[in-house]
PDB file of N, CA and C in Angstrom:
ATOM      1  N   MET A   1     -27.920 100.322 104.047  1.00  0.00           N
ATOM      2  CA  MET A   1     -28.810 101.262 104.572  1.00  0.00           C
ATOM      3  C   MET A   1     -29.823 100.857 105.962  1.00  0.00           C
ATOM      4  N   ALA A   2     -29.587 101.221 107.053  1.00  0.00           N
ATOM      5  CA  ALA A   2     -29.970 100.976 108.070  1.00  0.00           C
ATOM      6  C   ALA A   2     -31.541 101.991 108.109  1.00  0.00           C
ATOM      7  N   LEU A   3     -32.258 100.982 109.225  1.00  0.00           N
ATOM      8  CA  LEU A   3     -33.758 101.763 109.027  1.00  0.00           C
ATOM      9  C   LEU A   3     -34.215 102.328 109.691  1.00  0.00           C
ATOM     10  N   GLY A   4     -34.560 104.141 109.725  1.00  0.00           N
ATOM     11  CA  GLY A   4     -34.938 104.290 110.783  1.00  0.00           C
ATOM     12  C   GLY A   4     -36.331 105.046 109.641  1.00  0.00           C
ATOM     13  N   ASN A   5     -36.728 106.221 109.734  1.00  0.00           N
ATOM     14  CA  ASN A   5     -37.977 106.100 109.133  1.00  0.00           C
ATOM     15  C   ASN A   5     -37.921 107.602 108.212  1.00  0.00           C
ATOM     16  N   ARG A   6     -36.325 108.607 107.988  1.00  0.00           N
ATOM     17  CA  ARG A   6     -36.402 109.648 107.499  1.00  0.00           C
ATOM     18  C   ARG A   6     -35.548 109.130 106.832  1.00  0.00           C
ATOM     19  N   TYR A   7     -34.902 109.287 105.259  1.00  0.00           N
ATOM     20  CA  TYR A   7     -34.402 108.508 104.629  1.00  0.00           C
ATOM     21  C   TYR A   7     -34.644 109.718 103.520  1.00  0.00           C
ATOM     22  N   ASP A   8     -33.283 111.442 102.694  1.00  0.00           N
ATOM     23  CA  ASP A   8     -34.071 110.981 101.554  1.00  0.00           C
ATOM     24  C   ASP A   8     -32.795 111.178 100.082  1.00  0.00           C
ATOM     25  N   LEU A   9     -33.514 110.726  99.404  1.00  0.00           N
ATOM     26  CA  LEU A   9     -33.604 110.440  98.603  1.00  0.00           C
ATOM     27  C   LEU A   9     -32.861 111.606  97.251  1.00  0.00           C
ATOM     28  N   GLU A  10     -31.454 111.124  97.075  1.00  0.00           N
ATOM     29  CA  GLU A  10     -30.419 111.415  95.909  1.00  0.00           C
ATOM     30  C   GLU A  10     -31.125 110.629  95.041  1.00  0.00           C
ATOM     31  N   ILE A  11     -31.723 110.814  93.629  1.00  0.00           N
ATOM     32  CA  ILE A  11     -32.153 110.191  92.196  1.00  0.00           C
ATOM     33  C   ILE A  11     -30.606 111.041  91.238  1.00  0.00           C
ATOM     34  N   LYS A  12     -29.689 110.554  90.712  1.00  0.00           N
ATOM     35  CA  LYS A  12     -28.824 111.160  89.862  1.00  0.00           C
ATOM     36  C   LYS A  12     -29.423 110.547  88.211  1.00  0.00           C
ATOM     37  N   GLN A  13     -30.069 111.658  87.236  1.00  0.00           N
ATOM     38  CA  GLN A  13     -30.863 111.449  85.939  1.00  0.00           C
ATOM     39  C   GLN A  13     -29.722 110.653  85.878  1.00  0.00           C
ATOM     40  N   GLY A  14     -30.078 109.380  85.014  1.00  0.00           N
ATOM     41  CA  GLY A  14     -29.142 108.970  84.139  1.00  0.00           C
ATOM     42  C   GLY A  14     -28.711 107.385  84.375  1.00  0.00           C
ATOM     43  N   ALA A  15     -28.327 107.622  85.662  1.00  0.00           N
ATOM     44  CA  ALA A  15     -27.781 106.701  86.525  1.00  0.00           C
ATOM     45  C   ALA A  15     -28.593 106.106  87.465  1.00  0.00           C
ATOM     46  N   THR A  16     -28.000 104.325  87.102  1.00  0.00           N
ATOM     47  CA  THR A  16     -29.174 103.508  88.127  1.00  0.00           C
ATOM     48  C   THR A  16     -29.116 103.801  89.311  1.00  0.00           C
ATOM     49  N   LEU A  17     -30.385 104.111  90.024  1.00  0.00           N
ATOM     50  CA  LEU A  17     -31.168 103.822  91.941  1.00  0.00           C
ATOM     51  C   LEU A  17     -31.142 102.632  92.057  1.00  0.00           C
ATOM     52  N   SER A  18     -29.866 102.544  92.921  1.00  0.00           N
ATOM     53  CA  SER A  18     -29.929 101.159  93.857  1.00  0.00           C
ATOM     54  C   SER A  18     -30.043 101.127  95.225  1.00  0.00           C
ATOM     55  N   LEU A  19     -30.969 100.779  95.470  1.00  0.00           N
ATOM     56  CA  LEU A  19     -31.179 100.914  97.546  1.00  0.00           C
ATOM     57  C   LEU A  19     -31.534  99.469  97.947  1.00  0.00           C
ATOM     58  N   THR A  20     -30.339  99.573  99.658  1.00  0.00           N
ATOM     59  CA  THR A  20     -31.075  98.345 100.129  1.00  0.00           C
ATOM     60  C   THR A  20     -30.349  98.508 101.209  1.00  0.00           C
ATOM     61  N   ALA A  21     -31.922  97.756 101.812  1.00  0.00           N
ATOM     62  CA  ALA A  21     -31.917  98.092 103.884  1.00  0.00           C
ATOM     63  C   ALA A  21     -32.813  96.426 103.619  1.00  0.00           C
ATOM     64  N   THR A  22     -32.780  96.552 105.416  1.00  0.00           N
ATOM     65  CA  THR A  22     -33.235  95.384 105.983  1.00  0.00           C
ATOM     66  C   THR A  22     -34.105  95.905 106.915  1.00  0.00           C
ATOM     67  N   TRP A  23     -35.425  95.509 107.111  1.00  0.00           N
ATOM     68  CA  TRP A  23     -36.460  95.443 108.473  1.00  0.00           C
ATOM     69  C   TRP A  23     -35.977  95.088 109.460  1.00  0.00           C
ATOM     70  N   LYS A  24     -35.574  95.526 110.721  1.00  0.00           N
ATOM     71  CA  LYS A  24     -35.968  95.015 111.659  1.00  0.00           C
ATOM     72  C   LYS A  24     -36.948  95.010 112.606  1.00  0.00           C
ATOM     73  N   ASP A  25     -37.305  93.934 113.469  1.00  0.00           N
ATOM     74  CA  ASP A  25     -37.712  94.693 114.654  1.00  0.00           C
ATOM     75  C   ASP A  25     -37.001  95.263 116.214  1.00  0.00           C
ATOM     76  N   SER A  26     -38.014  95.652 117.157  1.00  0.00           N
ATOM     77  CA  SER A  26     -37.119  96.492 117.545  1.00  0.00           C
ATOM     78  C   SER A  26     -35.958  95.609 118.474  1.00  0.00           C
ATOM     79  N   THR A  27     -35.640  94.292 118.487  1.00  0.00           N
ATOM     80  CA  THR A  27     -35.353  93.047 119.523  1.00  0.00           C
ATOM     81  C   THR A  27     -33.926  93.652 118.022  1.00  0.00           C
ATOM     82  N   GLY A  28     -33.889  93.687 116.859  1.00  0.00           N
ATOM     83  CA  GLY A  28     -32.907  93.382 115.982  1.00  0.00           C
ATOM     84  C   GLY A  28     -32.609  92.242 115.063  1.00  0.00           C
ATOM     85  N   THR A  29     -33.570  91.664 115.268  1.00  0.00           N
ATOM     86  CA  THR A  29     -33.918  90.199 114.305  1.00  0.00           C
ATOM     87  C   THR A  29     -34.680  91.288 112.754  1.00  0.00           C
ATOM     88  N   ALA A  30     -34.176  90.405 111.721  1.00  0.00           N
ATOM     89  CA  ALA A  30     -34.774  90.862 110.328  1.00  0.00           C
ATOM     90  C   ALA A  30     -36.675  90.157 110.278  1.00  0.00           C
ATOM     91  N   VAL A  31     -37.390  91.199 110.083  1.00  0.00           N
ATOM     92  CA  VAL A  31     -38.695  91.276 110.058  1.00  0.00           C
ATOM     93  C   VAL A  31     -38.941  89.926 108.834  1.00  0.00           C
ATOM     94  N   ASN A  32     -39.233  88.418 108.936  1.00  0.00           N
ATOM     95  CA  ASN A  32     -39.991  88.099 107.581  1.00  0.00           C
ATOM     96  C   ASN A  32     -41.033  88.896 106.521  1.00  0.00           C
ATOM     97  N   LEU A  33     -40.314  88.694 105.345  1.00  0.00           N
ATOM     98  CA  LEU A  33     -40.886  90.087 104.197  1.00  0.00           C
ATOM     99  C   LEU A  33     -42.259  88.518 103.708  1.00  0.00           C
ATOM    100  N   THR A  34     -42.259  87.261 103.391  1.00  0.00           N
ATOM    101  CA  THR A  34     -42.933  86.783 103.481  1.00  0.00           C
ATOM    102  C   THR A  34     -44.170  86.894 103.325  1.00  0.00           C
ATOM    103  N   GLY A  35     -44.655  87.032 101.739  1.00  0.00           N
ATOM    104  CA  GLY A  35     -46.312  87.632 101.763  1.00  0.00           C
ATOM    105  C   GLY A  35     -46.406  89.170 101.641  1.00  0.00           C
ATOM    106  N   TYR A  36     -45.358  89.320 101.781  1.00  0.00           N
ATOM    107  CA  TYR A  36     -45.746  91.046 101.515  1.00  0.00           C
ATOM    108  C   TYR A  36     -45.267  91.131 100.183  1.00  0.00           C
ATOM    109  N   THR A  37     -45.769  92.948  99.715  1.00  0.00           N
ATOM    110  CA  THR A  37     -45.945  93.712  98.414  1.00  0.00           C
ATOM    111  C   THR A  37     -45.130  94.366  99.462  1.00  0.00           C
ATOM    112  N   ALA A  38     -44.984  95.466  98.059  1.00  0.00           N
ATOM    113  CA  ALA A  38     -43.774  96.643  98.362  1.00  0.00           C
ATOM    114  C   ALA A  38     -44.349  98.096  97.551  1.00  0.00           C
ATOM    115  N   ARG A  39     -44.521  98.877  98.024  1.00  0.00           N
ATOM    116  CA  ARG A  39     -44.614 100.125  97.321  1.00  0.00           C
ATOM    117  C   ARG A  39     -44.104 102.198  97.090  1.00  0.00           C
ATOM    118  N   MET A  40     -43.149 102.272  96.075  1.00  0.00           N
ATOM    119  CA  MET A  40     -42.300 103.098  96.787  1.00  0.00           C
ATOM    120  C   MET A  40     -43.019 104.483  95.493  1.00  0.00           C
ATOM    121  N   GLN A  41     -43.320 105.788  96.174  1.00  0.00           N
ATOM    122  CA  GLN A  41     -43.328 106.692  94.660  1.00  0.00           C
ATOM    123  C   GLN A  41     -42.449 108.110  95.482  1.00  0.00           C
ATOM    124  N   VAL A  42     -42.680 108.775  94.186  1.00  0.00           N
ATOM    125  CA  VAL A  42     -42.087 109.749  94.688  1.00  0.00           C
ATOM    126  C   VAL A  42     -42.901 111.238  94.009  1.00  0.00           C
ATOM    127  N   ARG A  43     -42.936 112.634  94.421  1.00  0.00           N
ATOM    128  CA  ARG A  43     -44.300 113.314  94.125  1.00  0.00           C
ATOM    129  C   ARG A  43     -43.272 114.121  94.102  1.00  0.00           C
ATOM    130  N   SER A  44     -44.453 115.721  93.928  1.00  0.00           N
ATOM    131  CA  SER A  44     -43.725 116.516  93.228  1.00  0.00           C
ATOM    132  C   SER A  44     -43.730 117.779  95.083  1.00  0.00           C
ATOM    133  N   THR A  45     -45.287 117.202  95.840  1.00  0.00           N
ATOM    134  CA  THR A  45     -45.170 117.773  97.037  1.00  0.00           C
ATOM    135  C   THR A  45     -46.800 116.089  97.641  1.00  0.00           C
ATOM    136  N   TYR A  46     -46.465 116.228  99.289  1.00  0.00           N
ATOM    137  CA  TYR A  46     -47.023 115.840  99.212  1.00  0.00           C
ATOM    138  C   TYR A  46     -48.975 115.242  98.761  1.00  0.00           C
ATOM    139  N   ASP A  47     -49.199 116.590  98.717  1.00  0.00           N
ATOM    140  CA  ASP A  47     -51.112 116.289  97.958  1.00  0.00           C
ATOM    141  C   ASP A  47     -50.877 116.385  96.208  1.00  0.00           C
ATOM    142  N   ALA A  48     -50.011 116.216  95.814  1.00  0.00           N
ATOM    143  CA  ALA A  48     -49.843 116.210  94.779  1.00  0.00           C
ATOM    144  C   ALA A  48     -49.971 114.744  93.560  1.00  0.00           C
ATOM    145  N   SER A  49     -50.927 114.774  92.677  1.00  0.00           N
ATOM    146  CA  SER A  49     -51.818 113.839  91.891  1.00  0.00           C
ATOM    147  C   SER A  49     -51.125 112.921  91.234  1.00  0.00           C
ATOM    148  N   ALA A  50     -49.736 113.958  90.842  1.00  0.00           N
ATOM    149  CA  ALA A  50     -49.119 113.249  89.303  1.00  0.00           C
ATOM    150  C   ALA A  50     -47.811 112.224  90.589  1.00  0.00           C
ATOM    151  N   THR A  51     -47.721 111.085  89.801  1.00  0.00           N
ATOM    152  CA  THR A  51     -46.457 110.659  90.677  1.00  0.00           C
ATOM    153  C   THR A  51     -44.602 110.776  89.372  1.00  0.00           C
ATOM    154  N   ILE A  52     -43.909 111.262  90.106  1.00  0.00           N
ATOM    155  CA  ILE A  52     -42.909 111.397  89.550  1.00  0.00           C
ATOM    156  C   ILE A  52     -41.787 109.998  89.304  1.00  0.00           C
ATOM    157  N   LEU A  53     -42.217 109.849  89.928  1.00  0.00           N
ATOM    158  CA  LEU A  53     -41.669 107.703  89.633  1.00  0.00           C
ATOM    159  C   LEU A  53     -42.575 106.972  90.913  1.00  0.00           C
ATOM    160  N   SER A  54     -42.919 105.827  89.846  1.00  0.00           N
ATOM    161  CA  SER A  54     -43.537 104.800  91.227  1.00  0.00           C
ATOM    162  C   SER A  54     -42.983 103.386  90.776  1.00  0.00           C
ATOM    163  N   LEU A  55     -42.384 102.678  91.750  1.00  0.00           N
ATOM    164  CA  LEU A  55     -41.285 101.406  91.613  1.00  0.00           C
ATOM    165  C   LEU A  55     -42.764 100.613  92.602  1.00  0.00           C
ATOM    166  N   THR A  56     -42.426  98.895  92.097  1.00  0.00           N
ATOM    167  CA  THR A  56     -43.160  98.619  92.715  1.00  0.00           C
ATOM    168  C   THR A  56     -42.800  97.017  93.276  1.00  0.00           C
ATOM    169  N   SER A  57     -42.910  96.212  94.149  1.00  0.00           N
ATOM    170  CA  SER A  57     -42.393  94.937  94.178  1.00  0.00           C
ATOM    171  C   SER A  57     -43.316  93.961  92.635  1.00  0.00           C
ATOM    172  N   ALA A  58     -44.654  94.467  92.617  1.00  0.00           N
ATOM    173  CA  ALA A  58     -45.352  93.742  91.203  1.00  0.00           C
ATOM    174  C   ALA A  58     -44.814  93.588  90.343  1.00  0.00           C
ATOM    175  N   ALA A  59     -43.370  95.037  89.755  1.00  0.00           N
ATOM    176  CA  ALA A  59     -43.663  95.218  88.774  1.00  0.00           C
ATOM    177  C   ALA A  59     -41.705  94.694  88.814  1.00  0.00           C
ATOM    178  N   GLY A  60     -41.100  94.719  89.989  1.00  0.00           N
ATOM    179  CA  GLY A  60     -40.132  93.691  89.706  1.00  0.00           C
ATOM    180  C   GLY A  60     -39.747  95.067  90.637  1.00  0.00           C
ATOM    181  N   ASP A  61     -39.814  95.991  90.044  1.00  0.00           N
ATOM    182  CA  ASP A  61     -38.345  97.343  91.071  1.00  0.00           C
ATOM    183  C   ASP A  61     -37.718  97.583  92.007  1.00  0.00           C
ATOM    184  N   ILE A  62     -38.757  96.247  93.138  1.00  0.00           N
ATOM    185  CA  ILE A  62     -38.415  96.426  94.874  1.00  0.00           C
ATOM    186  C   ILE A  62     -38.726  94.239  94.580  1.00  0.00           C
ATOM    187  N   VAL A  63     -37.669  94.562  95.280  1.00  0.00           N
ATOM    188  CA  VAL A  63     -37.874  92.739  95.502  1.00  0.00           C
ATOM    189  C   VAL A  63     -37.318  92.445  97.675  1.00  0.00           C
ATOM    190  N   LEU A  64     -38.405  91.627  97.428  1.00  0.00           N
ATOM    191  CA  LEU A  64     -38.069  91.685  99.449  1.00  0.00           C
ATOM    192  C   LEU A  64     -37.161  90.002  98.557  1.00  0.00           C
ATOM    193  N   GLY A  65     -36.394  90.371 100.462  1.00  0.00           N
ATOM    194  CA  GLY A  65     -36.109  89.012 100.573  1.00  0.00           C
ATOM    195  C   GLY A  65     -36.769  87.826 101.708  1.00  0.00           C
ATOM    196  N   GLY A  66     -37.843  87.546 101.541  1.00  0.00           N
ATOM    197  CA  GLY A  66     -38.610  86.973 102.413  1.00  0.00           C
ATOM    198  C   GLY A  66     -37.689  86.703 104.064  1.00  0.00           C
ATOM    199  N   ALA A  67     -37.513  85.615 104.333  1.00  0.00           N
ATOM    200  CA  ALA A  67     -37.416  85.348 105.602  1.00  0.00           C
ATOM    201  C   ALA A  67     -36.317  86.493 106.325  1.00  0.00           C
ATOM    202  N   ALA A  68     -35.610  87.002 105.519  1.00  0.00           N
ATOM    203  CA  ALA A  68     -33.922  87.973 105.945  1.00  0.00           C
ATOM    204  C   ALA A  68     -33.900  89.138 105.704  1.00  0.00           C
ATOM    205  N   GLY A  69     -35.646  90.023 105.260  1.00  0.00           N
ATOM    206  CA  GLY A  69     -36.358  91.319 105.742  1.00  0.00           C
ATOM    207  C   GLY A  69     -35.467  92.148 105.043  1.00  0.00           C
ATOM    208  N   THR A  70     -34.725  91.100 103.577  1.00  0.00           N
ATOM    209  CA  THR A  70     -34.107  92.741 102.579  1.00  0.00           C
ATOM    210  C   THR A  70     -34.981  93.531 102.092  1.00  0.00           C
ATOM    211  N   ILE A  71     -34.793  94.638 101.971  1.00  0.00           N
ATOM    212  CA  ILE A  71     -35.681  95.176 100.071  1.00  0.00           C
ATOM    213  C   ILE A  71     -34.506  96.205  99.351  1.00  0.00           C
ATOM    214  N   ALA A  72     -35.074  95.640  98.276  1.00  0.00           N
ATOM    215  CA  ALA A  72     -33.521  95.958  97.399  1.00  0.00           C
ATOM    216  C   ALA A  72     -35.056  96.581  95.891  1.00  0.00           C
ATOM    217  N   ILE A  73     -34.101  98.071  95.976  1.00  0.00           N
ATOM    218  CA  ILE A  73     -34.834  99.410  95.101  1.00  0.00           C
ATOM    219  C   ILE A  73     -34.383  99.541  93.999  1.00  0.00           C
ATOM    220  N   THR A  74     -34.252  98.808  92.607  1.00  0.00           N
ATOM    221  CA  THR A  74     -33.500  99.924  91.571  1.00  0.00           C
ATOM    222  C   THR A  74     -34.722 100.481  90.437  1.00  0.00           C
ATOM    223  N   ALA A  75     -33.825 101.259  89.958  1.00  0.00           N
ATOM    224  CA  ALA A  75     -33.978 101.879  89.085  1.00  0.00           C
ATOM    225  C   ALA A  75     -33.480 102.478  88.007  1.00  0.00           C
ATOM    226  N   SER A  76     -34.284 101.681  86.600  1.00  0.00           N
ATOM    227  CA  SER A  76     -33.182 101.310  85.320  1.00  0.00           C
ATOM    228  C   SER A  76     -32.340 103.230  85.592  1.00  0.00           C
ATOM    229  N   ALA A  77     -30.660 103.006  84.229  1.00  0.00           N
ATOM    230  CA  ALA A  77     -30.577 104.329  83.806  1.00  0.00           C
ATOM    231  C   ALA A  77     -31.448 104.975  83.336  1.00  0.00           C
ATOM    232  N   THR A  78     -32.118 103.899  82.447  1.00  0.00           N
ATOM    233  CA  THR A  78     -33.528 104.986  81.685  1.00  0.00           C
ATOM    234  C   THR A  78     -33.905 105.420  81.867  1.00  0.00           C
ATOM    235  N   VAL A  79     -34.613 104.767  83.024  1.00  0.00           N
ATOM    236  CA  VAL A  79     -35.684 105.499  83.954  1.00  0.00           C
ATOM    237  C   VAL A  79     -35.517 106.732  84.558  1.00  0.00           C
ATOM    238  N   THR A  80     -34.054 106.796  85.017  1.00  0.00           N
ATOM    239  CA  THR A  80     -34.264 107.871  86.080  1.00  0.00           C
ATOM    240  C   THR A  80     -33.479 109.208  84.807  1.00  0.00           C
ATOM    241  N   ALA A  81     -32.984 108.735  83.626  1.00  0.00           N
ATOM    242  CA  ALA A  81     -32.526 109.690  82.830  1.00  0.00           C
ATOM    243  C   ALA A  81     -34.023 109.926  82.292  1.00  0.00           C
ATOM    244  N   ALA A  82     -35.215 109.797  82.190  1.00  0.00           N
ATOM    245  CA  ALA A  82     -36.457 110.061  81.513  1.00  0.00           C
ATOM    246  C   ALA A  82     -36.799 111.544  82.647  1.00  0.00           C
ATOM    247  N   LEU A  83     -36.354 111.922  84.201  1.00  0.00           N
ATOM    248  CA  LEU A  83     -36.729 111.694  84.685  1.00  0.00           C
ATOM    249  C   LEU A  83     -36.463 114.052  85.204  1.00  0.00           C
ATOM    250  N   THR A  84     -37.487 114.819  85.342  1.00  0.00           N
ATOM    251  CA  THR A  84     -36.571 116.247  85.394  1.00  0.00           C
ATOM    252  C   THR A  84     -36.002 116.482  86.596  1.00  0.00           C
ATOM    253  N   ALA A  85     -35.037 117.478  85.537  1.00  0.00           N
ATOM    254  CA  ALA A  85     -33.547 117.463  86.534  1.00  0.00           C
ATOM    255  C   ALA A  85     -33.378 119.077  86.357  1.00  0.00           C
ATOM    256  N   PRO A  86     -32.820 119.644  87.390  1.00  0.00           N
ATOM    257  CA  PRO A  86     -33.154 119.190  88.451  1.00  0.00           C
ATOM    258  C   PRO A  86     -34.390 119.296  89.396  1.00  0.00           C
ATOM    259  N   TRP A  87     -34.389 118.799  90.317  1.00  0.00           N
ATOM    260  CA  TRP A  87     -35.856 118.564  90.677  1.00  0.00           C
ATOM    261  C   TRP A  87     -35.616 118.180  92.027  1.00  0.00           C
ATOM    262  N   ALA A  88     -36.943 118.522  92.685  1.00  0.00           N
ATOM    263  CA  ALA A  88     -37.272 118.436  93.940  1.00  0.00           C
ATOM    264  C   ALA A  88     -38.360 118.084  95.395  1.00  0.00           C
ATOM    265  N   GLY A  89     -39.166 117.260  95.391  1.00  0.00           N
ATOM    266  CA  GLY A  89     -40.130 116.483  95.767  1.00  0.00           C
ATOM    267  C   GLY A  89     -39.613 115.608  96.931  1.00  0.00           C
ATOM    268  N   VAL A  90     -40.679 114.902  97.513  1.00  0.00           N
ATOM    269  CA  VAL A  90     -40.759 114.136  98.257  1.00  0.00           C
ATOM    270  C   VAL A  90     -40.738 112.631  98.310  1.00  0.00           C
ATOM    271  N   TRP A  91     -41.133 111.492  98.407  1.00  0.00           N
ATOM    272  CA  TRP A  91     -40.931 109.884  98.571  1.00  0.00           C
ATOM    273  C   TRP A  91     -41.370 109.583  99.704  1.00  0.00           C
ATOM    274  N   ASP A  92     -41.722 108.386  99.615  1.00  0.00           N
ATOM    275  CA  ASP A  92     -41.973 107.095 100.442  1.00  0.00           C
ATOM    276  C   ASP A  92     -41.782 105.662 100.162  1.00  0.00           C
ATOM    277  N   LEU A  93     -41.805 104.527 101.305  1.00  0.00           N
ATOM    278  CA  LEU A  93     -42.065 103.306 100.701  1.00  0.00           C
ATOM    279  C   LEU A  93     -42.581 103.218 101.304  1.00  0.00           C
ATOM    280  N   GLU A  94     -43.605 102.463 101.268  1.00  0.00           N
ATOM    281  CA  GLU A  94     -44.708 101.193 101.904  1.00  0.00           C
ATOM    282  C   GLU A  94     -44.615  99.643 101.786  1.00  0.00           C
ATOM    283  N   LEU A  95     -44.617  98.448 103.380  1.00  0.00           N
ATOM    284  CA  LEU A  95     -44.433  97.498 102.404  1.00  0.00           C
ATOM    285  C   LEU A  95     -46.161  96.867 103.034  1.00  0.00           C
ATOM    286  N   VAL A  96     -47.086  96.609 102.244  1.00  0.00           N
ATOM    287  CA  VAL A  96     -47.755  95.659 102.861  1.00  0.00           C
ATOM    288  C   VAL A  96     -48.188  94.120 103.261  1.00  0.00           C
ATOM    289  N   SER A  97     -48.440  93.466 103.825  1.00  0.00           N
ATOM    290  CA  SER A  97     -48.713  92.274 104.351  1.00  0.00           C
ATOM    291  C   SER A  97     -49.678  91.608 103.776  1.00  0.00           C
ATOM    292  N   GLY A  98     -49.272  90.911 103.447  1.00  0.00           N
ATOM    293  CA  GLY A  98     -51.079  89.346 103.197  1.00  0.00           C
ATOM    294  C   GLY A  98     -51.826  89.708 103.886  1.00  0.00           C
ATOM    295  N   GLY A  99     -52.251  89.807 105.073  1.00  0.00           N
ATOM    296  CA  GLY A  99     -53.371  90.449 105.418  1.00  0.00           C
ATOM    297  C   GLY A  99     -53.569  92.480 105.417  1.00  0.00           C
ATOM    298  N   GLY A 100     -53.012  92.819 104.442  1.00  0.00           N
ATOM    299  CA  GLY A 100     -53.278  93.973 103.813  1.00  0.00           C
ATOM    300  C   GLY A 100     -53.523  95.382 105.028  1.00  0.00           C
ATOM    301  N   VAL A 101     -51.774  95.594 106.085  1.00  0.00           N
ATOM    302  CA  VAL A 101     -51.604  96.012 107.171  1.00  0.00           C
ATOM    303  C   VAL A 101     -50.343  97.084 106.593  1.00  0.00           C
ATOM    304  N   VAL A 102     -50.704  98.290 106.119  1.00  0.00           N
ATOM    305  CA  VAL A 102     -50.025  98.638 104.954  1.00  0.00           C
ATOM    306  C   VAL A 102     -49.206  99.287 106.374  1.00  0.00           C
ATOM    307  N   THR A 103     -47.363  99.561 106.322  1.00  0.00           N
ATOM    308  CA  THR A 103     -46.250 100.009 107.202  1.00  0.00           C
ATOM    309  C   THR A 103     -45.469 101.115 105.650  1.00  0.00           C
ATOM    310  N   ARG A 104     -45.353 102.086 106.730  1.00  0.00           N
ATOM    311  CA  ARG A 104     -44.326 102.879 105.845  1.00  0.00           C
ATOM    312  C   ARG A 104     -43.200 103.112 106.742  1.00  0.00           C
ATOM    313  N   LEU A 105     -41.699 102.759 105.899  1.00  0.00           N
ATOM    314  CA  LEU A 105     -40.766 102.087 106.692  1.00  0.00           C
ATOM    315  C   LEU A 105     -40.263 104.047 106.720  1.00  0.00           C
ATOM    316  N   LEU A 106     -39.980 104.152 105.159  1.00  0.00           N
ATOM    317  CA  LEU A 106     -38.936 104.711 104.591  1.00  0.00           C
ATOM    318  C   LEU A 106     -39.736 106.260 103.927  1.00  0.00           C
ATOM    319  N   GLU A 107     -39.542 107.947 104.540  1.00  0.00           N
ATOM    320  CA  GLU A 107     -39.451 108.506 103.766  1.00  0.00           C
ATOM    321  C   GLU A 107     -38.438 109.647 104.217  1.00  0.00           C
ATOM    322  N   GLY A 108     -38.810 111.599 103.168  1.00  0.00           N
ATOM    323  CA  GLY A 108     -37.802 111.690 103.067  1.00  0.00           C
ATOM    324  C   GLY A 108     -38.323 112.764 101.848  1.00  0.00           C
ATOM    325  N   SER A 109     -37.283 113.843 102.017  1.00  0.00           N
ATOM    326  CA  SER A 109     -36.950 114.950 100.655  1.00  0.00           C
ATOM    327  C   SER A 109     -36.336 113.537  99.307  1.00  0.00           C
ATOM    328  N   ALA A 110     -37.019 113.947  97.824  1.00  0.00           N
ATOM    329  CA  ALA A 110     -36.603 113.417  96.968  1.00  0.00           C
ATOM    330  C   ALA A 110     -35.275 114.709  96.374  1.00  0.00           C
ATOM    331  N   ASN A 111     -35.452 114.170  95.621  1.00  0.00           N
ATOM    332  CA  ASN A 111     -33.733 115.215  94.699  1.00  0.00           C
ATOM    333  C   ASN A 111     -33.113 114.269  93.365  1.00  0.00           C
ATOM    334  N   VAL A 112     -33.651 115.070  92.766  1.00  0.00           N
ATOM    335  CA  VAL A 112     -32.668 113.913  91.296  1.00  0.00           C
ATOM    336  C   VAL A 112     -31.737 115.730  90.347  1.00  0.00           C
ATOM    337  N   SER A 113     -30.313 115.092  90.088  1.00  0.00           N
ATOM    338  CA  SER A 113     -28.916 116.213  90.218  1.00  0.00           C
ATOM    339  C   SER A 113     -28.983 115.435  88.302  1.00  0.00           C
ATOM    340  N   PRO A 114     -28.679 116.642  88.070  1.00  0.00           N
ATOM    341  CA  PRO A 114     -28.655 116.623  86.008  1.00  0.00           C
ATOM    342  C   PRO A 114     -27.638 115.757  86.221  1.00  0.00           C
ATOM    343  N   GLU A 115     -27.906 115.098  84.678  1.00  0.00           N
ATOM    344  CA  GLU A 115     -26.778 114.396  84.086  1.00  0.00           C
ATOM    345  C   GLU A 115     -25.844 114.771  83.200  1.00  0.00           C
ATOM    346  N   VAL A 116     -24.508 115.745  83.299  1.00  0.00           N
ATOM    347  CA  VAL A 116     -24.202 115.664  82.575  1.00  0.00           C
ATOM    348  C   VAL A 116     -23.841 115.144  80.842  1.00  0.00           C
ATOM    349  N   THR A 117     -23.268 114.070  81.383  1.00  0.00           N
ATOM    350  CA  THR A 117     -22.328 113.316  80.376  1.00  0.00           C
ATOM    351  C   THR A 117     -23.886 112.478  79.682  1.00  0.00           C
ATOM    352  N   ARG A 118     -24.022 112.423  78.285  1.00  0.00           N
ATOM    353  CA  ARG A 118     -24.977 111.127  77.565  1.00  0.00           C
ATOM    354  C   ARG A 118     -24.627 110.760  76.410  1.00  0.00           C
TER     355      ARG A 118
END
């Protein structure tokens, strides 16, 4: 996936969610993510206090690829099976540098489609 700013997330209930992206600067060079952490949240609305899904690099749900600039996001089938479906909301992905600078890389709508086969 190329990183723009908007990406609408489609989550399939009961299936593994797997997204991979590379963060590149304006010259097309991969951003070195060494020392960064990442966090992603899905909510019903922008101002909702409750999260529907929360993934972090600290928990191992988001793996950052250092100098390669890669970002791999995974939610297991067990995690997505627990989500209410059908459902629609919003999400974003933020990276935090070692110095504490927060960059929102991706954002958009999030939709959960219901699982039929169980």
